[in-house]
């Protein structure tokens, strides 16, 4: 029983170790990828683009089992978007 509780604490602990600056850099990377896909985006569209990037990052952050899973899921999605644009 104790090992199960310890596993739960350890598996959720990765989120507390991830720096806010790291998450912000990831959100910026997502935004830049989306912006390249939408070259004619008007300036007022940037607010919506940021909301989309933020929601996506939050969804991946909440769903990931660990930091590697979080980074893998986001990297695969960014790569997929970049490949679709070509």
Protein backbone atom coordinates (compact mmCIF):
# COMPACT_ATOMS: atom_id res chain seq x y z
CA UNK A 1 0.00 0.00 0.00
CA UNK A 2 2.76 2.42 0.93
CA UNK A 3 4.56 1.86 -2.36
CA UNK A 4 1.37 2.72 -4.29
CA UNK A 5 1.06 6.02 -2.44
CA UNK A 6 4.73 6.75 -3.02
CA UNK A 7 4.32 6.04 -6.75
CA UNK A 8 1.39 8.48 -6.93
CA UNK A 9 3.43 11.21 -5.26
CA UNK A 10 6.45 10.58 -7.47
CA UNK A 11 4.44 10.43 -10.69
CA UNK A 12 2.74 13.78 -10.03
CA UNK A 13 5.90 15.39 -8.66
CA UNK A 14 7.30 16.12 -12.14
CA UNK A 15 4.80 18.97 -12.55
CA UNK A 16 6.11 20.77 -9.48
CA UNK A 17 9.66 20.48 -10.83
CA UNK A 18 8.85 21.98 -14.24
CA UNK A 19 9.78 25.66 -14.28
CA UNK A 20 7.12 28.17 -15.42
CA UNK A 21 9.69 29.59 -17.87
CA UNK A 22 9.92 26.19 -19.53
CA UNK A 23 6.18 26.04 -20.02
CA UNK A 24 6.18 29.59 -21.41
CA UNK A 25 8.92 28.71 -23.93
CA UNK A 26 6.85 25.72 -25.04
CA UNK A 27 3.74 27.88 -25.45
CA UNK A 28 5.79 30.35 -27.52
CA UNK A 29 7.07 27.51 -29.70
CA UNK A 30 3.50 26.29 -30.26
CA UNK A 31 2.42 29.85 -31.13
CA UNK A 32 5.29 30.27 -33.61
CA UNK A 33 4.39 26.98 -35.28
CA UNK A 34 0.74 28.00 -35.56
CA UNK A 35 1.72 31.45 -36.86
CA UNK A 36 3.77 29.89 -39.67
CA UNK A 37 0.71 27.89 -40.66
CA UNK A 38 -1.41 31.06 -40.76
CA UNK A 39 0.75 33.64 -42.58
CA UNK A 40 -2.09 36.11 -43.22
CA UNK A 41 -3.19 36.26 -39.59
CA UNK A 42 -4.22 39.81 -38.63
CA UNK A 43 -2.72 41.29 -35.43
CA UNK A 44 -5.98 40.82 -33.52
CA UNK A 45 -5.76 37.10 -34.31
CA UNK A 46 -2.66 36.80 -32.14
CA UNK A 47 -4.77 36.91 -28.98
CA UNK A 48 -6.81 33.94 -30.16
CA UNK A 49 -3.66 32.15 -31.30
CA UNK A 50 -2.18 32.54 -27.82
CA UNK A 51 -5.36 31.15 -26.25
CA UNK A 52 -5.21 28.12 -28.55
CA UNK A 53 -1.55 27.49 -27.75
CA UNK A 54 -2.20 27.89 -24.02
CA UNK A 55 -5.17 25.49 -24.03
CA UNK A 56 -3.20 22.90 -25.98
CA UNK A 57 -0.21 23.13 -23.62
CA UNK A 58 -2.45 22.90 -20.55
CA UNK A 59 -4.20 19.85 -21.99
CA UNK A 60 -0.87 18.09 -22.63
CA UNK A 61 0.43 19.13 -19.19
CA UNK A 62 -2.62 17.66 -17.45
CA UNK A 63 -2.67 14.44 -19.51
CA UNK A 64 1.03 13.58 -19.40
CA UNK A 65 2.24 10.80 -17.13
CA UNK A 66 5.65 12.42 -16.69
CA UNK A 67 7.84 15.17 -18.10
CA UNK A 68 9.15 12.99 -20.93
CA UNK A 69 5.59 12.13 -21.96
CA UNK A 70 4.64 15.82 -21.83
CA UNK A 71 7.57 16.86 -24.04
CA UNK A 72 7.05 13.93 -26.41
CA UNK A 73 3.36 14.68 -26.96
CA UNK A 74 4.01 18.35 -27.64
CA UNK A 75 7.01 17.65 -29.88
CA UNK A 76 5.04 15.15 -31.95
CA UNK A 77 2.19 17.62 -32.43
CA UNK A 78 4.55 20.44 -33.42
CA UNK A 79 6.35 18.13 -35.84
CA UNK A 80 3.03 17.03 -37.29
CA UNK A 81 1.97 20.65 -37.85
CA UNK A 82 5.31 21.52 -39.45
CA UNK A 83 5.10 18.51 -41.78
CA UNK A 84 1.53 19.36 -42.80
CA UNK A 85 2.66 22.86 -43.75
CA UNK A 86 5.21 21.54 -46.25
